[in-house]
Amino acid sequence: QLQASGGGLVQPGGSLRLSCAASGSIFSINVMGWYRQAPEKQRELVATITSGGSTNYADSVKGRFTISRDNAKNTVYLEMNSLKPEDMAVYYCNTDLRPTMFSRIQNYWGQGTNFTVSS
């Protein structure tokens, strides 16, 4: 399962760090990522990172957000800087992992975490 944390209240222009840890039976983890969904909008990609460290970002967050991962802890992070009110959404972590050596790759979603950008 995936457990996300790090939401809260932040001022415009402020920073926040989200974390998401994978637990349970894990043989290997491929891509880990963050998606977000604002009210009445579709879920959208924020950033992804491969097991080798290659990253991909949505244009709207490039230069402000940084995704990273700790493979030893099966954890992915999202460092968010220069936050704007339009960044407010429920943020979901997502991963492709193989539970056992003999399993096929499966996709998992975290439960979501959100934050408020307000002065």
N, C-alpha and C. Protein backbone atom coordinates (compact mmCIF):
# COMPACT_ATOMS: atom_id res chain seq x y z
N GLN A 1 0.84 -1.18 0.00
CA GLN A 1 0.00 0.00 0.00
C GLN A 1 0.88 1.24 0.00
N LEU A 2 0.26 2.38 -0.32
CA LEU A 2 0.98 3.64 -0.35
C LEU A 2 0.38 4.57 0.70
N GLN A 3 1.24 5.18 1.50
CA GLN A 3 0.80 6.09 2.54
C GLN A 3 1.42 7.45 2.31
N ALA A 4 0.57 8.42 1.99
CA ALA A 4 1.05 9.77 1.71
C ALA A 4 0.89 10.65 2.94
N SER A 5 1.76 11.64 3.05
CA SER A 5 1.69 12.59 4.16
C SER A 5 2.33 13.90 3.73
N GLY A 6 2.09 14.95 4.52
CA GLY A 6 2.76 16.22 4.27
C GLY A 6 1.85 17.38 3.96
N GLY A 7 0.54 17.19 3.99
CA GLY A 7 -0.35 18.29 3.71
C GLY A 7 -0.39 19.30 4.85
N GLY A 8 -1.11 20.40 4.62
CA GLY A 8 -1.22 21.41 5.67
C GLY A 8 -1.61 22.76 5.09
N LEU A 9 -1.27 23.82 5.83
CA LEU A 9 -1.57 25.17 5.42
C LEU A 9 -0.26 25.88 5.10
N VAL A 10 -0.22 26.55 3.96
CA VAL A 10 1.00 27.26 3.56
C VAL A 10 0.60 28.57 2.91
N GLN A 11 1.43 29.58 3.07
CA GLN A 11 1.16 30.87 2.45
C GLN A 11 1.56 30.87 0.98
N PRO A 12 0.95 31.73 0.18
CA PRO A 12 1.38 31.85 -1.22
C PRO A 12 2.88 32.15 -1.28
N GLY A 13 3.56 31.45 -2.17
CA GLY A 13 5.00 31.60 -2.28
C GLY A 13 5.77 30.71 -1.33
N GLY A 14 5.05 29.99 -0.48
CA GLY A 14 5.70 29.14 0.50
C GLY A 14 6.07 27.78 -0.07
N SER A 15 6.58 26.93 0.82
CA SER A 15 7.05 25.61 0.42
C SER A 15 6.41 24.53 1.27
N LEU A 16 6.36 23.35 0.69
CA LEU A 16 5.79 22.19 1.37
C LEU A 16 6.42 20.94 0.79
N ARG A 17 6.53 19.92 1.60
CA ARG A 17 7.10 18.66 1.13
C ARG A 17 6.12 17.53 1.38
N LEU A 18 5.78 16.81 0.35
CA LEU A 18 4.93 15.63 0.47
C LEU A 18 5.80 14.38 0.43
N SER A 19 5.37 13.37 1.17
CA SER A 19 6.06 12.09 1.18
C SER A 19 5.06 10.99 0.91
N CYS A 20 5.53 9.91 0.34
CA CYS A 20 4.68 8.75 0.11
C CYS A 20 5.53 7.50 0.21
N ALA A 21 5.18 6.64 1.15
CA ALA A 21 5.94 5.43 1.39
C ALA A 21 5.16 4.21 0.95
N ALA A 22 5.81 3.34 0.22
CA ALA A 22 5.21 2.07 -0.17
C ALA A 22 5.58 1.01 0.85
N SER A 23 4.61 0.19 1.20
CA SER A 23 4.87 -0.86 2.19
C SER A 23 4.19 -2.15 1.75
N GLY A 24 4.48 -3.21 2.48
CA GLY A 24 3.92 -4.52 2.14
C GLY A 24 4.93 -5.33 1.34
N SER A 25 4.42 -6.26 0.58
CA SER A 25 5.29 -7.12 -0.21
C SER A 25 5.79 -6.36 -1.43
N ILE A 26 7.10 -6.11 -1.47
CA ILE A 26 7.68 -5.35 -2.58
C ILE A 26 8.96 -6.04 -3.03
N PHE A 27 8.96 -6.48 -4.28
CA PHE A 27 10.18 -7.03 -4.85
C PHE A 27 10.96 -5.94 -5.57
N SER A 28 10.25 -5.13 -6.33
CA SER A 28 10.89 -4.01 -7.03
C SER A 28 9.86 -2.93 -7.34
N ILE A 29 10.36 -1.70 -7.40
CA ILE A 29 9.50 -0.57 -7.74
C ILE A 29 10.04 0.10 -8.99
N ASN A 30 9.20 0.31 -9.95
CA ASN A 30 9.60 1.00 -11.18
C ASN A 30 9.34 2.49 -11.02
N VAL A 31 8.37 2.99 -11.73
CA VAL A 31 8.08 4.43 -11.68
C VAL A 31 7.28 4.78 -10.43
N MET A 32 7.64 5.89 -9.83
CA MET A 32 6.85 6.48 -8.75
C MET A 32 6.47 7.88 -9.18
N GLY A 33 5.29 8.32 -8.77
CA GLY A 33 4.87 9.64 -9.23
C GLY A 33 3.83 10.28 -8.36
N TRP A 34 3.57 11.52 -8.70
CA TRP A 34 2.54 12.30 -8.03
C TRP A 34 1.55 12.83 -9.06
N TYR A 35 0.29 12.74 -8.72
CA TYR A 35 -0.78 13.29 -9.53
C TYR A 35 -1.62 14.19 -8.62
N ARG A 36 -2.41 15.06 -9.20
CA ARG A 36 -3.28 15.90 -8.39
C ARG A 36 -4.63 16.07 -9.06
N GLN A 37 -5.61 16.32 -8.21
CA GLN A 37 -6.97 16.53 -8.72
C GLN A 37 -7.61 17.66 -7.94
N ALA A 38 -7.89 18.73 -8.63
CA ALA A 38 -8.59 19.86 -8.04
C ALA A 38 -10.09 19.64 -8.18
N PRO A 39 -10.89 20.32 -7.37
CA PRO A 39 -12.34 20.14 -7.45
C PRO A 39 -12.87 20.38 -8.86
N GLU A 40 -13.68 19.46 -9.31
CA GLU A 40 -14.34 19.54 -10.62
C GLU A 40 -13.37 19.51 -11.79
N LYS A 41 -12.18 19.00 -11.55
CA LYS A 41 -11.19 18.85 -12.62
C LYS A 41 -10.71 17.41 -12.66
N GLN A 42 -10.16 17.04 -13.80
CA GLN A 42 -9.63 15.69 -13.94
C GLN A 42 -8.28 15.57 -13.23
N ARG A 43 -7.97 14.37 -12.83
CA ARG A 43 -6.67 14.10 -12.22
C ARG A 43 -5.60 14.32 -13.28
N GLU A 44 -4.52 14.98 -12.87
CA GLU A 44 -3.46 15.29 -13.82
C GLU A 44 -2.11 14.91 -13.24
N LEU A 45 -1.20 14.61 -14.14
CA LEU A 45 0.16 14.28 -13.76
C LEU A 45 0.87 15.51 -13.21
N VAL A 46 1.60 15.32 -12.12
CA VAL A 46 2.44 16.38 -11.58
C VAL A 46 3.91 16.08 -11.90
N ALA A 47 4.36 14.90 -11.50
CA ALA A 47 5.75 14.54 -11.74
C ALA A 47 5.93 13.04 -11.56
N THR A 48 6.89 12.48 -12.27
CA THR A 48 7.23 11.07 -12.10
C THR A 48 8.75 10.92 -12.03
N ILE A 49 9.16 9.81 -11.45
CA ILE A 49 10.58 9.51 -11.36
C ILE A 49 10.76 8.01 -11.51
N THR A 50 11.71 7.62 -12.35
CA THR A 50 11.98 6.20 -12.56
C THR A 50 12.92 5.67 -11.49
N SER A 51 13.10 4.38 -11.50
CA SER A 51 14.01 3.76 -10.53
C SER A 51 15.44 4.24 -10.74
N GLY A 52 15.75 4.66 -11.95
CA GLY A 52 17.08 5.17 -12.25
C GLY A 52 17.25 6.65 -11.98
N GLY A 53 16.14 7.32 -11.62
CA GLY A 53 16.24 8.74 -11.27
C GLY A 53 15.82 9.70 -12.36
N SER A 54 15.37 9.20 -13.49
CA SER A 54 14.89 10.11 -14.55
C SER A 54 13.56 10.70 -14.13
N THR A 55 13.43 12.01 -14.35
CA THR A 55 12.23 12.70 -13.90
C THR A 55 11.45 13.31 -15.07
N ASN A 56 10.18 13.53 -14.81
CA ASN A 56 9.29 14.16 -15.78
C ASN A 56 8.33 15.04 -15.00
N TYR A 57 8.10 16.27 -15.49
CA TYR A 57 7.25 17.22 -14.78
C TYR A 57 6.18 17.80 -15.70
N ALA A 58 5.06 18.13 -15.11
CA ALA A 58 4.06 18.91 -15.82
C ALA A 58 4.63 20.32 -16.02
N ASP A 59 4.27 20.93 -17.14
CA ASP A 59 4.78 22.27 -17.43
C ASP A 59 4.44 23.26 -16.33
N SER A 60 3.29 23.08 -15.71
CA SER A 60 2.82 24.04 -14.71
C SER A 60 3.65 24.03 -13.42
N VAL A 61 4.45 22.98 -13.23
CA VAL A 61 5.23 22.91 -11.98
C VAL A 61 6.73 22.91 -12.23
N LYS A 62 7.14 22.89 -13.48
CA LYS A 62 8.58 22.88 -13.78
C LYS A 62 9.26 24.09 -13.16
N GLY A 63 10.39 23.84 -12.53
CA GLY A 63 11.14 24.92 -11.90
C GLY A 63 10.69 25.23 -10.49
N ARG A 64 9.53 24.72 -10.08
CA ARG A 64 9.01 24.98 -8.73
C ARG A 64 8.96 23.71 -7.90
N PHE A 65 8.65 22.59 -8.52
CA PHE A 65 8.51 21.33 -7.80
C PHE A 65 9.69 20.42 -8.15
N THR A 66 10.10 19.61 -7.17
CA THR A 66 11.16 18.64 -7.38
C THR A 66 10.72 17.29 -6.82
N ILE A 67 10.75 16.28 -7.67
CA ILE A 67 10.43 14.92 -7.22
C ILE A 67 11.73 14.17 -6.96
N SER A 68 11.72 13.37 -5.92
CA SER A 68 12.89 12.56 -5.60
C SER A 68 12.41 11.27 -4.94
N ARG A 69 13.31 10.32 -4.80
CA ARG A 69 12.91 9.07 -4.16
C ARG A 69 14.08 8.50 -3.39
N ASP A 70 13.74 7.74 -2.37
CA ASP A 70 14.72 7.00 -1.59
C ASP A 70 14.40 5.53 -1.80
N ASN A 71 15.17 4.88 -2.64
CA ASN A 71 14.87 3.49 -2.98
C ASN A 71 15.00 2.55 -1.78
N ALA A 72 15.87 2.88 -0.86
CA ALA A 72 16.05 2.03 0.33
C ALA A 72 14.82 2.08 1.22
N LYS A 73 14.12 3.22 1.17
CA LYS A 73 12.93 3.40 2.01
C LYS A 73 11.63 3.23 1.22
N ASN A 74 11.75 2.93 -0.08
CA ASN A 74 10.56 2.80 -0.94
C ASN A 74 9.66 4.03 -0.83
N THR A 75 10.28 5.18 -0.81
CA THR A 75 9.56 6.42 -0.57
C THR A 75 9.83 7.43 -1.69
N VAL A 76 8.78 8.13 -2.06
CA VAL A 76 8.90 9.20 -3.05
C VAL A 76 8.51 10.51 -2.38
N TYR A 77 9.21 11.58 -2.76
CA TYR A 77 8.98 12.89 -2.17
C TYR A 77 8.61 13.89 -3.26
N LEU A 78 7.89 14.92 -2.86
CA LEU A 78 7.60 16.02 -3.76
C LEU A 78 7.86 17.31 -2.99
N GLU A 79 8.94 17.98 -3.35
CA GLU A 79 9.29 19.25 -2.76
C GLU A 79 8.64 20.33 -3.60
N MET A 80 7.78 21.13 -2.97
CA MET A 80 7.02 22.14 -3.70
C MET A 80 7.41 23.52 -3.19
N ASN A 81 7.88 24.36 -4.09
CA ASN A 81 8.26 25.73 -3.76
C ASN A 81 7.41 26.71 -4.55
N SER A 82 7.44 27.96 -4.11
CA SER A 82 6.69 29.03 -4.79
C SER A 82 5.24 28.63 -5.03
N LEU A 83 4.62 28.10 -4.00
CA LEU A 83 3.25 27.58 -4.14
C LEU A 83 2.25 28.68 -4.46
N LYS A 84 1.29 28.32 -5.31
CA LYS A 84 0.25 29.23 -5.74
C LYS A 84 -1.11 28.65 -5.34
N PRO A 85 -2.11 29.49 -5.24
CA PRO A 85 -3.45 28.96 -4.94
C PRO A 85 -3.90 27.91 -5.95
N GLU A 86 -3.49 28.05 -7.20
CA GLU A 86 -3.90 27.07 -8.21
C GLU A 86 -3.21 25.72 -8.04
N ASP A 87 -2.26 25.62 -7.14
CA ASP A 87 -1.64 24.33 -6.84
C ASP A 87 -2.47 23.51 -5.86
N MET A 88 -3.46 24.14 -5.25
CA MET A 88 -4.29 23.43 -4.28
C MET A 88 -5.08 22.33 -4.98
N ALA A 89 -4.99 21.14 -4.41
CA ALA A 89 -5.66 19.97 -4.97
C ALA A 89 -5.42 18.82 -4.00
N VAL A 90 -6.06 17.71 -4.28
CA VAL A 90 -5.69 16.49 -3.58
C VAL A 90 -4.55 15.86 -4.37
N TYR A 91 -3.47 15.58 -3.70
CA TYR A 91 -2.29 15.01 -4.34
C TYR A 91 -2.24 13.51 -4.05
N TYR A 92 -2.11 12.74 -5.11
CA TYR A 92 -2.07 11.28 -4.99
C TYR A 92 -0.71 10.78 -5.44
N CYS A 93 -0.15 9.85 -4.68
CA CYS A 93 1.05 9.19 -5.16
C CYS A 93 0.64 7.92 -5.90
N ASN A 94 1.51 7.51 -6.78
CA ASN A 94 1.21 6.38 -7.65
C ASN A 94 2.51 5.64 -7.91
N THR A 95 2.41 4.32 -8.02
CA THR A 95 3.62 3.58 -8.32
C THR A 95 3.32 2.31 -9.10
N ASP A 96 4.26 1.90 -9.90
CA ASP A 96 4.26 0.60 -10.54
C ASP A 96 5.26 -0.27 -9.79
N LEU A 97 4.80 -1.35 -9.21
CA LEU A 97 5.73 -2.20 -8.49
C LEU A 97 5.43 -3.67 -8.73
N ARG A 98 6.42 -4.47 -8.43
CA ARG A 98 6.30 -5.92 -8.55
C ARG A 98 6.33 -6.48 -7.13
N PRO A 99 5.21 -7.04 -6.64
CA PRO A 99 5.18 -7.52 -5.24
C PRO A 99 6.16 -8.66 -4.95
N THR A 100 6.29 -9.59 -5.87
CA THR A 100 7.23 -10.70 -5.71
C THR A 100 7.99 -10.88 -7.01
N MET A 101 9.01 -11.69 -6.97
CA MET A 101 9.82 -11.95 -8.15
C MET A 101 8.99 -12.50 -9.29
N PHE A 102 7.91 -13.21 -8.95
CA PHE A 102 7.12 -13.89 -9.96
C PHE A 102 5.85 -13.13 -10.34
N SER A 103 5.66 -11.94 -9.73
CA SER A 103 4.46 -11.16 -10.01
C SER A 103 4.66 -10.31 -11.25
N ARG A 104 3.57 -9.98 -11.89
CA ARG A 104 3.64 -8.97 -12.93
C ARG A 104 3.59 -7.59 -12.26
N ILE A 105 3.98 -6.57 -13.00
CA ILE A 105 3.97 -5.21 -12.46
C ILE A 105 2.53 -4.77 -12.21
N GLN A 106 2.31 -4.23 -11.03
CA GLN A 106 0.97 -3.76 -10.66
C GLN A 106 1.02 -2.28 -10.32
N ASN A 107 -0.07 -1.60 -10.55
CA ASN A 107 -0.15 -0.17 -10.30
C ASN A 107 -0.95 0.11 -9.04
N TYR A 108 -0.43 0.99 -8.20
CA TYR A 108 -1.09 1.31 -6.93
C TYR A 108 -1.23 2.82 -6.78
N TRP A 109 -2.33 3.22 -6.11
CA TRP A 109 -2.58 4.62 -5.78
C TRP A 109 -2.57 4.79 -4.26
N GLY A 110 -2.03 5.91 -3.80
CA GLY A 110 -2.14 6.28 -2.40
C GLY A 110 -3.50 6.89 -2.12
N GLN A 111 -3.74 7.20 -0.85
CA GLN A 111 -5.06 7.66 -0.44
C GLN A 111 -5.27 9.16 -0.70
N GLY A 112 -4.24 9.89 -1.02
CA GLY A 112 -4.38 11.31 -1.28
C GLY A 112 -4.09 12.16 -0.07
N THR A 113 -3.48 13.29 -0.31
CA THR A 113 -3.25 14.27 0.75
C THR A 113 -3.42 15.65 0.14
N ASN A 114 -3.89 16.60 0.91
CA ASN A 114 -4.10 17.93 0.35
C ASN A 114 -3.53 19.01 1.25
N PHE A 115 -3.50 20.20 0.71
CA PHE A 115 -3.00 21.34 1.47
C PHE A 115 -3.73 22.59 1.00
N THR A 116 -3.64 23.62 1.81
CA THR A 116 -4.28 24.89 1.51
C THR A 116 -3.23 25.97 1.33
N VAL A 117 -3.35 26.73 0.25
CA VAL A 117 -2.47 27.87 0.02
C VAL A 117 -3.28 29.12 0.30
N SER A 118 -2.97 29.78 1.39
CA SER A 118 -3.76 30.95 1.78
C SER A 118 -2.95 31.85 2.68
N SER A 119 -3.17 33.14 2.55
CA SER A 119 -2.49 34.09 3.43
C SER A 119 -3.36 34.40 4.64
